[in-house]
Amino acid sequence: MIKEGAQVALTVQEKQKIIEEYGVHKGDTGSPNVQIALLSKDIEYLQKHFEEHKKDHHSKRGFLQKVTLRKSLMQYLRKIDSKAFISLCDKLNLRYKK
């Protein structure tokens, strides 16, 4: 049960908005663009969470798994479509090696 006023990482509406914005076609949830965008939003939320809860080491493991998964998806996207990779990184304000 979620406490009153507690913030959930991503609501259904936020996920739908991200899917519509970064999806290749309607209902696209599996493309690397969408997955990277969703992971970036989760990572951003967890970074803010860790600023407030410095001793939350249990959540840090999941955070690191998300960072690693995003990194591997970014490497894959860069390999198959470098232009899409660069434009996605610019949209999400992610750093990348040129």
N, C-alpha and C. Protein backbone atom coordinates (compact mmCIF):
# COMPACT_ATOMS: atom_id res chain seq x y z
N MET A 1 0.84 -1.18 0.00
CA MET A 1 0.00 0.00 0.00
C MET A 1 0.89 1.25 0.00
N ILE A 2 0.57 2.19 -0.83
CA ILE A 2 1.34 3.42 -0.96
C ILE A 2 0.78 4.44 0.02
N LYS A 3 1.70 5.10 0.73
CA LYS A 3 1.29 6.12 1.69
C LYS A 3 0.70 7.34 0.99
N GLU A 4 -0.14 8.07 1.71
CA GLU A 4 -0.70 9.32 1.19
C GLU A 4 0.44 10.30 0.93
N GLY A 5 0.44 10.91 -0.22
CA GLY A 5 1.44 11.93 -0.54
C GLY A 5 2.76 11.36 -1.02
N ALA A 6 2.91 10.03 -0.97
CA ALA A 6 4.16 9.42 -1.44
C ALA A 6 4.20 9.49 -2.97
N GLN A 7 5.37 9.77 -3.49
CA GLN A 7 5.52 9.89 -4.94
C GLN A 7 5.98 8.56 -5.52
N VAL A 8 5.32 8.11 -6.56
CA VAL A 8 5.70 6.90 -7.26
C VAL A 8 6.64 7.31 -8.38
N ALA A 9 7.58 6.43 -8.71
CA ALA A 9 8.60 6.78 -9.70
C ALA A 9 7.98 7.29 -11.01
N LEU A 10 7.13 6.50 -11.64
CA LEU A 10 6.49 6.92 -12.89
C LEU A 10 5.02 6.52 -12.86
N THR A 11 4.15 7.46 -13.09
CA THR A 11 2.74 7.15 -13.17
C THR A 11 2.41 6.63 -14.57
N VAL A 12 1.25 6.06 -14.71
CA VAL A 12 0.83 5.53 -16.01
C VAL A 12 0.76 6.64 -17.05
N GLN A 13 0.27 7.82 -16.64
CA GLN A 13 0.16 8.94 -17.57
C GLN A 13 1.54 9.41 -18.03
N GLU A 14 2.51 9.46 -17.10
CA GLU A 14 3.86 9.87 -17.48
C GLU A 14 4.48 8.88 -18.46
N LYS A 15 4.27 7.57 -18.20
CA LYS A 15 4.80 6.56 -19.11
C LYS A 15 4.20 6.68 -20.49
N GLN A 16 2.89 6.90 -20.56
CA GLN A 16 2.22 7.05 -21.86
C GLN A 16 2.76 8.26 -22.62
N LYS A 17 2.98 9.34 -21.88
CA LYS A 17 3.51 10.55 -22.52
C LYS A 17 4.91 10.30 -23.10
N ILE A 18 5.76 9.61 -22.35
CA ILE A 18 7.11 9.29 -22.82
C ILE A 18 7.04 8.36 -24.03
N ILE A 19 6.16 7.36 -23.97
CA ILE A 19 6.02 6.41 -25.08
C ILE A 19 5.57 7.14 -26.34
N GLU A 20 4.61 8.06 -26.21
CA GLU A 20 4.14 8.81 -27.37
C GLU A 20 5.23 9.72 -27.93
N GLU A 21 6.03 10.31 -27.06
CA GLU A 21 7.05 11.26 -27.50
C GLU A 21 8.24 10.57 -28.18
N TYR A 22 8.68 9.42 -27.62
CA TYR A 22 9.90 8.78 -28.12
C TYR A 22 9.65 7.54 -28.96
N GLY A 23 8.41 7.09 -29.04
CA GLY A 23 8.10 5.88 -29.80
C GLY A 23 8.25 6.07 -31.29
N VAL A 24 8.62 5.00 -31.97
CA VAL A 24 8.79 5.03 -33.40
C VAL A 24 7.43 4.99 -34.09
N HIS A 25 6.50 4.22 -33.53
CA HIS A 25 5.14 4.14 -34.05
C HIS A 25 4.17 4.07 -32.88
N LYS A 26 2.88 4.12 -33.16
CA LYS A 26 1.88 4.14 -32.10
C LYS A 26 1.91 2.83 -31.30
N GLY A 27 1.93 2.96 -29.98
CA GLY A 27 1.96 1.78 -29.12
C GLY A 27 3.32 1.14 -29.00
N ASP A 28 4.35 1.82 -29.44
CA ASP A 28 5.71 1.30 -29.42
C ASP A 28 6.28 1.39 -28.00
N THR A 29 6.53 0.24 -27.37
CA THR A 29 7.11 0.24 -26.03
C THR A 29 8.44 -0.50 -26.00
N GLY A 30 8.81 -1.14 -27.09
CA GLY A 30 9.99 -1.97 -27.08
C GLY A 30 11.21 -1.40 -27.76
N SER A 31 11.06 -0.29 -28.47
CA SER A 31 12.22 0.25 -29.17
C SER A 31 13.23 0.80 -28.16
N PRO A 32 14.51 0.78 -28.53
CA PRO A 32 15.53 1.28 -27.61
C PRO A 32 15.29 2.74 -27.20
N ASN A 33 14.74 3.55 -28.11
CA ASN A 33 14.49 4.96 -27.79
C ASN A 33 13.55 5.07 -26.58
N VAL A 34 12.47 4.33 -26.61
CA VAL A 34 11.48 4.39 -25.53
C VAL A 34 12.07 3.83 -24.25
N GLN A 35 12.76 2.71 -24.35
CA GLN A 35 13.33 2.10 -23.15
C GLN A 35 14.36 3.01 -22.50
N ILE A 36 15.19 3.65 -23.30
CA ILE A 36 16.21 4.56 -22.76
C ILE A 36 15.53 5.76 -22.10
N ALA A 37 14.48 6.29 -22.72
CA ALA A 37 13.77 7.44 -22.15
C ALA A 37 13.11 7.07 -20.82
N LEU A 38 12.47 5.90 -20.76
CA LEU A 38 11.83 5.46 -19.51
C LEU A 38 12.87 5.22 -18.41
N LEU A 39 13.98 4.58 -18.77
CA LEU A 39 15.03 4.35 -17.78
C LEU A 39 15.63 5.68 -17.31
N SER A 40 15.79 6.63 -18.21
CA SER A 40 16.35 7.93 -17.83
C SER A 40 15.45 8.64 -16.83
N LYS A 41 14.15 8.54 -17.05
CA LYS A 41 13.20 9.16 -16.12
C LYS A 41 13.27 8.48 -14.75
N ASP A 42 13.36 7.14 -14.73
CA ASP A 42 13.50 6.41 -13.47
C ASP A 42 14.80 6.78 -12.76
N ILE A 43 15.89 6.86 -13.51
CA ILE A 43 17.19 7.19 -12.94
C ILE A 43 17.16 8.60 -12.35
N GLU A 44 16.54 9.52 -13.07
CA GLU A 44 16.41 10.90 -12.58
C GLU A 44 15.64 10.94 -11.25
N TYR A 45 14.54 10.18 -11.18
CA TYR A 45 13.75 10.12 -9.95
C TYR A 45 14.59 9.53 -8.80
N LEU A 46 15.33 8.46 -9.08
CA LEU A 46 16.11 7.82 -8.03
C LEU A 46 17.26 8.72 -7.55
N GLN A 47 17.83 9.51 -8.44
CA GLN A 47 18.88 10.43 -8.03
C GLN A 47 18.34 11.43 -7.01
N LYS A 48 17.14 11.95 -7.26
CA LYS A 48 16.52 12.87 -6.31
C LYS A 48 16.20 12.15 -5.01
N HIS A 49 15.77 10.89 -5.11
CA HIS A 49 15.45 10.09 -3.93
C HIS A 49 16.70 9.92 -3.06
N PHE A 50 17.85 9.64 -3.69
CA PHE A 50 19.07 9.41 -2.93
C PHE A 50 19.62 10.68 -2.29
N GLU A 51 19.29 11.84 -2.84
CA GLU A 51 19.70 13.09 -2.19
C GLU A 51 19.02 13.23 -0.83
N GLU A 52 17.77 12.79 -0.76
CA GLU A 52 17.01 12.88 0.49
C GLU A 52 17.29 11.71 1.42
N HIS A 53 17.46 10.51 0.85
CA HIS A 53 17.65 9.29 1.64
C HIS A 53 19.04 8.74 1.36
N LYS A 54 20.02 9.30 2.02
CA LYS A 54 21.42 8.97 1.75
C LYS A 54 21.79 7.54 2.14
N LYS A 55 21.08 6.95 3.10
CA LYS A 55 21.44 5.62 3.58
C LYS A 55 20.59 4.50 2.97
N ASP A 56 19.89 4.78 1.91
CA ASP A 56 19.05 3.79 1.26
C ASP A 56 19.91 2.95 0.30
N HIS A 57 20.64 2.00 0.87
CA HIS A 57 21.55 1.20 0.07
C HIS A 57 20.84 0.09 -0.71
N HIS A 58 19.68 -0.34 -0.24
CA HIS A 58 18.95 -1.40 -0.93
C HIS A 58 18.45 -0.93 -2.30
N SER A 59 17.99 0.29 -2.38
CA SER A 59 17.50 0.82 -3.66
C SER A 59 18.66 1.13 -4.60
N LYS A 60 19.84 1.32 -4.05
CA LYS A 60 20.99 1.67 -4.88
C LYS A 60 21.35 0.55 -5.85
N ARG A 61 21.11 -0.70 -5.45
CA ARG A 61 21.40 -1.83 -6.33
C ARG A 61 20.51 -1.78 -7.57
N GLY A 62 19.23 -1.55 -7.39
CA GLY A 62 18.32 -1.43 -8.52
C GLY A 62 18.66 -0.24 -9.39
N PHE A 63 19.09 0.85 -8.75
CA PHE A 63 19.51 2.05 -9.47
C PHE A 63 20.68 1.73 -10.39
N LEU A 64 21.68 1.02 -9.86
CA LEU A 64 22.85 0.68 -10.66
C LEU A 64 22.50 -0.28 -11.80
N GLN A 65 21.53 -1.17 -11.56
CA GLN A 65 21.09 -2.06 -12.63
C GLN A 65 20.43 -1.27 -13.76
N LYS A 66 19.64 -0.26 -13.40
CA LYS A 66 18.99 0.58 -14.41
C LYS A 66 20.02 1.37 -15.20
N VAL A 67 21.03 1.88 -14.52
CA VAL A 67 22.09 2.64 -15.20
C VAL A 67 22.83 1.73 -16.19
N THR A 68 23.13 0.51 -15.77
CA THR A 68 23.85 -0.44 -16.63
C THR A 68 23.00 -0.83 -17.83
N LEU A 69 21.71 -1.09 -17.61
CA LEU A 69 20.82 -1.44 -18.71
C LEU A 69 20.70 -0.30 -19.71
N ARG A 70 20.58 0.94 -19.20
CA ARG A 70 20.49 2.09 -20.09
C ARG A 70 21.77 2.23 -20.91
N LYS A 71 22.90 2.00 -20.27
CA LYS A 71 24.18 2.11 -20.97
C LYS A 71 24.28 1.09 -22.10
N SER A 72 23.85 -0.14 -21.85
CA SER A 72 23.93 -1.15 -22.90
C SER A 72 22.93 -0.87 -24.02
N LEU A 73 21.75 -0.36 -23.68
CA LEU A 73 20.79 0.02 -24.73
C LEU A 73 21.32 1.18 -25.56
N MET A 74 22.01 2.11 -24.91
CA MET A 74 22.58 3.24 -25.65
C MET A 74 23.68 2.76 -26.59
N GLN A 75 24.50 1.81 -26.15
CA GLN A 75 25.54 1.27 -27.02
C GLN A 75 24.92 0.56 -28.22
N TYR A 76 23.85 -0.18 -27.98
CA TYR A 76 23.15 -0.87 -29.06
C TYR A 76 22.57 0.13 -30.07
N LEU A 77 21.89 1.16 -29.55
CA LEU A 77 21.29 2.16 -30.43
C LEU A 77 22.36 2.90 -31.23
N ARG A 78 23.47 3.19 -30.60
CA ARG A 78 24.55 3.88 -31.30
C ARG A 78 25.10 3.02 -32.44
N LYS A 79 25.14 1.70 -32.21
CA LYS A 79 25.67 0.79 -33.21
C LYS A 79 24.72 0.66 -34.41
N ILE A 80 23.39 0.62 -34.15
CA ILE A 80 22.47 0.40 -35.26
C ILE A 80 22.02 1.69 -35.95
N ASP A 81 21.97 2.81 -35.20
CA ASP A 81 21.49 4.07 -35.79
C ASP A 81 22.10 5.24 -35.03
N SER A 82 23.25 5.69 -35.48
CA SER A 82 23.98 6.73 -34.75
C SER A 82 23.26 8.08 -34.74
N LYS A 83 22.53 8.39 -35.82
CA LYS A 83 21.81 9.66 -35.85
C LYS A 83 20.68 9.68 -34.82
N ALA A 84 19.96 8.58 -34.71
CA ALA A 84 18.89 8.47 -33.71
C ALA A 84 19.47 8.54 -32.30
N PHE A 85 20.65 7.93 -32.12
CA PHE A 85 21.33 7.96 -30.83
C PHE A 85 21.69 9.39 -30.43
N ILE A 86 22.25 10.14 -31.34
CA ILE A 86 22.66 11.51 -31.05
C ILE A 86 21.46 12.39 -30.76
N SER A 87 20.40 12.26 -31.55
CA SER A 87 19.22 13.08 -31.32
C SER A 87 18.54 12.72 -30.01
N LEU A 88 18.52 11.44 -29.64
CA LEU A 88 17.95 11.02 -28.36
C LEU A 88 18.75 11.57 -27.19
N CYS A 89 20.07 11.50 -27.29
CA CYS A 89 20.93 12.03 -26.23
C CYS A 89 20.73 13.53 -26.07
N ASP A 90 20.56 14.24 -27.16
CA ASP A 90 20.32 15.68 -27.09
C ASP A 90 18.97 15.98 -26.44
N LYS A 91 17.93 15.20 -26.80
CA LYS A 91 16.60 15.40 -26.21
C LYS A 91 16.60 15.15 -24.71
N LEU A 92 17.32 14.10 -24.30
CA LEU A 92 17.33 13.71 -22.88
C LEU A 92 18.45 14.37 -22.08
N ASN A 93 19.26 15.19 -22.73
CA ASN A 93 20.40 15.84 -22.08
C ASN A 93 21.37 14.83 -21.48
N LEU A 94 21.69 13.80 -22.26
CA LEU A 94 22.64 12.78 -21.83
C LEU A 94 23.99 13.04 -22.48
N ARG A 95 25.04 12.75 -21.75
CA ARG A 95 26.38 12.91 -22.31
C ARG A 95 26.75 11.66 -23.08
N TYR A 96 27.55 11.82 -24.11
CA TYR A 96 28.03 10.70 -24.89
C TYR A 96 29.37 11.06 -25.50
N LYS A 97 30.16 10.03 -25.80
CA LYS A 97 31.45 10.25 -26.44
C LYS A 97 31.23 10.43 -27.93
N LYS A 98 31.89 11.42 -28.50
CA LYS A 98 31.74 11.70 -29.93
C LYS A 98 32.69 10.88 -30.75
